[in-house]
């Protein structure tokens, strides 16, 4: 059972970890993955997902804590409707307390999300003053509101990550920031391909394959995107990752 003291300690550690982005040469993909992980650890939510603007008016899915959340996020963008898109457009939090009641509001998204097992969604904009770069989605399998204190924690985590990303704007030109964000989006495509390679050469599902890649990258002090690229370009690297995991006793379910 989590006590108030341990919860506060975990929250403090999460904020300190996200604050590490205020130094040079941080890994943006790892930052965003950590953000969704922290949300599930610290909040009464079952999954978290993140969409980010590519600075050309298009939203892309860049992180999700589960494969189900990722698929719902992708469908939301394809259908061009849902709380996340509305949160980005309005720059305000959007709460869907019971998706069964939002069929008329978001007919395609609500039906799909419920079919995937989610009944409520809290979408929080990733915003600093007037600039909105994306949104954080918090998914729950049960309907109902989140406590105000939990919503504030979610916003604090999203705000810290936003500050870390936009911090570069203070020392670099805006086009360099856009290039960084676009690079992160492109890296996510490579990571998805690498997940497929790992899954195809093992009995692991896509979620376990991602966990294996992420853990190997962190333990080897490699950027996740760099490791993913080598896996895609050379399948023997995938075998090395699988072999290393087998030797360490990891099955791809490790959470760090």
Protein backbone atom coordinates (compact mmCIF):
# COMPACT_ATOMS: atom_id res chain seq x y z
CA UNK A 1 0.00 0.00 0.00
CA UNK A 2 1.34 3.42 -0.92
CA UNK A 3 1.53 5.81 2.02
CA UNK A 4 1.33 9.62 1.68
CA UNK A 5 5.06 9.85 2.46
CA UNK A 6 6.11 7.32 -0.17
CA UNK A 7 3.76 8.92 -2.71
CA UNK A 8 5.27 12.35 -2.07
CA UNK A 9 8.76 10.88 -2.38
CA UNK A 10 7.89 9.22 -5.69
CA UNK A 11 6.40 12.47 -6.98
CA UNK A 12 9.50 14.42 -5.97
CA UNK A 13 11.72 11.86 -7.72
CA UNK A 14 9.60 12.10 -10.86
CA UNK A 15 9.84 15.89 -10.96
CA UNK A 16 13.60 15.77 -10.39
CA UNK A 17 13.96 13.24 -13.21
CA UNK A 18 11.94 15.40 -15.60
CA UNK A 19 13.95 18.45 -14.53
CA UNK A 20 17.08 16.74 -15.88
CA UNK A 21 15.90 17.90 -19.31
CA UNK A 22 17.06 21.39 -18.41
CA UNK A 23 20.61 20.31 -19.21
CA UNK A 24 22.08 19.85 -22.66
CA UNK A 25 21.89 16.66 -24.72
CA UNK A 26 18.89 15.03 -23.06
CA UNK A 27 16.97 12.23 -24.73
CA UNK A 28 13.57 13.63 -25.70
CA UNK A 29 12.03 10.23 -26.47
CA UNK A 30 13.11 8.89 -23.08
CA UNK A 31 11.68 11.98 -21.40
CA UNK A 32 8.27 11.45 -22.95
CA UNK A 33 8.25 7.74 -22.12
CA UNK A 34 9.13 8.53 -18.53
CA UNK A 35 6.29 11.04 -18.39
CA UNK A 36 3.67 8.41 -19.28
CA UNK A 37 5.27 5.92 -16.88
CA UNK A 38 5.17 8.40 -14.00
CA UNK A 39 1.51 9.18 -14.68
CA UNK A 40 0.54 5.52 -14.31
CA UNK A 41 2.71 5.11 -11.20
CA UNK A 42 1.53 8.24 -9.40
CA UNK A 43 -2.06 8.67 -10.51
CA UNK A 44 -5.23 6.51 -10.33
CA UNK A 45 -5.12 5.87 -14.08
CA UNK A 46 -4.75 2.68 -16.08
CA UNK A 47 -2.81 4.07 -19.03
CA UNK A 48 -1.34 7.29 -20.37
CA UNK A 49 -0.61 8.54 -23.86
CA UNK A 50 1.03 11.59 -25.34
CA UNK A 51 0.58 13.38 -28.64
CA UNK A 52 2.93 16.09 -29.83
CA UNK A 53 2.68 18.70 -32.55
CA UNK A 54 5.19 18.46 -35.36
CA UNK A 55 5.14 22.26 -35.56
CA UNK A 56 3.37 22.05 -38.91
CA UNK A 57 -0.10 21.68 -37.51
CA UNK A 58 -0.13 17.88 -37.34
CA UNK A 59 -0.35 15.84 -34.13
CA UNK A 60 1.58 12.60 -33.77
CA UNK A 61 1.55 9.90 -31.09
CA UNK A 62 4.97 9.92 -29.43
CA UNK A 63 4.52 7.90 -26.25
CA UNK A 64 2.06 5.55 -24.55
CA UNK A 65 2.23 3.35 -21.48
CA UNK A 66 0.37 0.45 -23.11
CA UNK A 67 -0.27 -0.80 -26.61
CA UNK A 68 -4.02 -0.33 -26.09
CA UNK A 69 -3.51 3.33 -25.25
CA UNK A 70 -1.31 3.77 -28.30
CA UNK A 71 -3.95 2.29 -30.60
CA UNK A 72 -6.66 4.53 -29.10
CA UNK A 73 -4.44 7.58 -29.58
CA UNK A 74 -3.75 6.65 -33.19
CA UNK A 75 -7.46 6.13 -33.85
CA UNK A 76 -8.24 9.49 -32.25
CA UNK A 77 -5.93 11.27 -34.66
CA UNK A 78 -7.25 9.31 -37.62
CA UNK A 79 -10.86 10.09 -36.69
CA UNK A 80 -9.92 13.72 -36.00
CA UNK A 81 -12.05 13.79 -32.86
CA UNK A 82 -11.63 13.20 -29.16
CA UNK A 83 -10.61 14.88 -25.89
CA UNK A 84 -6.93 15.10 -26.78
CA UNK A 85 -7.52 17.06 -29.99
CA UNK A 86 -10.01 19.29 -28.23
CA UNK A 87 -7.52 19.95 -25.43
CA UNK A 88 -4.83 21.00 -27.92
CA UNK A 89 -7.25 23.23 -29.84
CA UNK A 90 -8.72 24.94 -26.77
CA UNK A 91 -5.49 24.87 -24.72
CA UNK A 92 -7.61 23.70 -21.79
CA UNK A 93 -8.08 20.40 -19.91
CA UNK A 94 -10.88 18.27 -21.34
CA UNK A 95 -12.60 15.69 -19.15
CA UNK A 96 -14.66 12.79 -20.52
CA UNK A 97 -16.07 11.30 -17.33
CA UNK A 98 -18.05 8.55 -19.06
CA UNK A 99 -17.40 7.89 -22.72
CA UNK A 100 -20.76 6.15 -23.02
CA UNK A 101 -22.27 9.60 -22.51
CA UNK A 102 -20.03 11.17 -25.16
CA UNK A 103 -21.16 9.15 -28.18
CA UNK A 104 -22.78 12.21 -29.76
CA UNK A 105 -19.81 14.43 -28.92
CA UNK A 106 -17.14 12.08 -30.33
CA UNK A 107 -19.08 9.23 -31.98
CA UNK A 108 -16.17 7.32 -33.52
CA UNK A 109 -13.60 7.93 -30.79
CA UNK A 110 -15.90 7.20 -27.85
CA UNK A 111 -17.09 3.92 -29.32
CA UNK A 112 -13.54 2.81 -30.14
CA UNK A 113 -12.12 3.76 -26.72
CA UNK A 114 -14.88 1.89 -24.89
CA UNK A 115 -14.31 -1.13 -27.10
CA UNK A 116 -10.64 -1.04 -26.06
CA UNK A 117 -11.69 -1.07 -22.40
CA UNK A 118 -11.51 2.61 -21.42
CA UNK A 119 -14.49 4.43 -19.94
CA UNK A 120 -13.05 7.84 -19.04
CA UNK A 121 -10.30 10.12 -20.30
CA UNK A 122 -8.66 13.22 -18.86
CA UNK A 123 -6.76 15.24 -21.49
CA UNK A 124 -4.27 17.85 -20.27
CA UNK A 125 -2.61 20.34 -22.64
CA UNK A 126 1.16 20.54 -22.72
CA UNK A 127 1.21 24.29 -22.61
CA UNK A 128 3.50 27.07 -21.48
CA UNK A 129 1.79 30.45 -21.53
CA UNK A 130 0.39 30.80 -25.07
CA UNK A 131 2.31 27.95 -26.69
CA UNK A 132 0.73 24.49 -26.80
CA UNK A 133 2.91 21.67 -28.12
CA UNK A 134 0.67 18.66 -27.46
CA UNK A 135 -1.49 16.95 -24.89
CA UNK A 136 -1.27 14.25 -22.24
CA UNK A 137 -4.12 11.73 -22.09
CA UNK A 138 -4.94 9.84 -18.91
CA UNK A 139 -7.09 6.76 -19.51
CA UNK A 140 -9.20 4.92 -16.93
CA UNK A 141 -11.16 1.69 -17.24
CA UNK A 142 -13.85 3.02 -14.91
CA UNK A 143 -16.05 6.11 -15.40
CA UNK A 144 -15.94 9.07 -13.04
CA UNK A 145 -13.84 12.12 -12.19
CA UNK A 146 -10.34 12.22 -10.83
CA UNK A 147 -9.65 14.04 -7.59
CA UNK A 148 -8.55 17.64 -8.04
CA UNK A 149 -5.26 16.82 -6.32
CA UNK A 150 -4.55 14.06 -8.86
CA UNK A 151 -5.37 16.36 -11.77
CA UNK A 152 -2.94 18.91 -10.36
CA UNK A 153 -0.21 16.27 -10.19
CA UNK A 154 -0.90 15.30 -13.80
CA UNK A 155 -0.67 18.92 -14.87
CA UNK A 156 2.56 19.40 -12.89
CA UNK A 157 4.18 16.43 -14.66
CA UNK A 158 2.99 17.64 -18.07
CA UNK A 159 4.16 21.19 -17.31
CA UNK A 160 7.62 20.01 -16.24
CA UNK A 161 8.06 18.04 -19.45
CA UNK A 162 6.80 21.00 -21.49
CA UNK A 163 9.25 23.35 -19.83
CA UNK A 164 12.05 20.90 -20.57
CA UNK A 165 11.16 20.76 -24.26
CA UNK A 166 10.59 24.48 -24.68
CA UNK A 167 13.69 25.35 -22.67
CA UNK A 168 15.65 24.86 -25.88
CA UNK A 169 13.77 27.78 -27.38
CA UNK A 170 15.53 30.11 -24.96
CA UNK A 171 18.95 29.14 -26.31
CA UNK A 172 18.20 28.06 -29.86
CA UNK A 173 16.24 29.43 -32.77
CA UNK A 174 12.67 28.25 -33.24
CA UNK A 175 13.52 26.29 -36.37
CA UNK A 176 16.06 24.25 -34.41
CA UNK A 177 13.39 23.43 -31.84
CA UNK A 178 11.06 22.35 -34.63
CA UNK A 179 13.83 20.16 -36.02
CA UNK A 180 14.34 18.58 -32.58
CA UNK A 181 10.64 17.81 -32.23
CA UNK A 182 10.49 16.42 -35.76
CA UNK A 183 13.52 14.26 -35.01
CA UNK A 184 11.72 12.85 -31.97
CA UNK A 185 8.68 12.05 -34.06
CA UNK A 186 10.82 10.34 -36.69
CA UNK A 187 12.61 8.39 -33.97
CA UNK A 188 9.29 7.03 -32.76
CA UNK A 189 8.68 5.53 -36.21
CA UNK A 190 12.05 3.74 -36.02
CA UNK A 191 11.27 2.53 -32.50
CA UNK A 192 7.97 1.04 -33.67
CA UNK A 193 9.84 -0.79 -36.44
CA UNK A 194 12.41 -2.09 -33.96
CA UNK A 195 9.62 -3.36 -31.70
CA UNK A 196 8.34 -5.35 -34.65
CA UNK A 197 11.77 -6.82 -35.32
CA UNK A 198 12.20 -7.92 -31.70
CA UNK A 199 8.69 -9.34 -31.59
CA UNK A 200 9.20 -11.18 -34.86
CA UNK A 201 12.37 -12.85 -33.61
CA UNK A 202 10.91 -13.90 -30.26
CA UNK A 203 7.67 -14.84 -28.54
CA UNK A 204 7.30 -11.36 -27.05
CA UNK A 205 4.37 -9.11 -27.86
CA UNK A 206 4.86 -5.50 -28.94
CA UNK A 207 4.62 -4.10 -25.40
CA UNK A 208 7.18 -6.57 -24.06
CA UNK A 209 9.45 -5.91 -27.05
CA UNK A 210 9.38 -2.19 -26.32
CA UNK A 211 10.16 -2.76 -22.63
CA UNK A 212 13.10 -4.95 -23.64
CA UNK A 213 14.47 -2.30 -26.00
CA UNK A 214 14.02 0.47 -23.46
CA UNK A 215 15.64 -1.47 -20.64
CA UNK A 216 18.59 -2.51 -22.81
CA UNK A 217 19.12 1.09 -23.93
CA UNK A 218 19.07 2.42 -20.39
CA UNK A 219 21.30 -0.30 -18.97
CA UNK A 220 23.76 0.13 -21.86
CA UNK A 221 23.70 3.93 -21.63
CA UNK A 222 22.41 4.18 -25.20
CA UNK A 223 19.79 6.44 -26.69
CA UNK A 224 16.64 4.43 -27.34
CA UNK A 225 16.35 5.80 -30.88
CA UNK A 226 19.99 4.90 -31.66
CA UNK A 227 19.51 1.33 -30.42
CA UNK A 228 16.27 1.02 -32.38
CA UNK A 229 17.97 2.15 -35.58
CA UNK A 230 20.73 -0.44 -35.23
CA UNK A 231 18.12 -3.16 -34.61
CA UNK A 232 16.24 -2.17 -37.76
CA UNK A 233 19.41 -2.01 -39.86
CA UNK A 234 20.99 -5.19 -38.48
CA UNK A 235 18.78 -7.97 -37.14
CA UNK A 236 21.78 -9.55 -35.44
CA UNK A 237 21.61 -6.67 -32.96
CA UNK A 238 18.07 -7.76 -32.12
CA UNK A 239 19.44 -11.22 -31.35
CA UNK A 240 22.07 -9.65 -29.12
CA UNK A 241 19.40 -7.70 -27.24
CA UNK A 242 17.34 -10.85 -26.76
CA UNK A 243 20.39 -12.83 -25.68
CA UNK A 244 21.40 -10.15 -23.18
CA UNK A 245 17.90 -10.11 -21.74
CA UNK A 246 17.88 -13.88 -21.42
CA UNK A 247 21.22 -13.84 -19.57
CA UNK A 248 19.97 -11.16 -17.17
CA UNK A 249 16.67 -12.93 -16.61
CA UNK A 250 14.56 -10.13 -18.10
CA UNK A 251 11.52 -11.11 -20.17
CA UNK A 252 10.60 -7.64 -21.34
CA UNK A 253 8.27 -7.07 -18.39
CA UNK A 254 10.74 -5.09 -16.31
CA UNK A 255 9.65 -1.62 -15.26
CA UNK A 256 12.27 0.94 -14.46
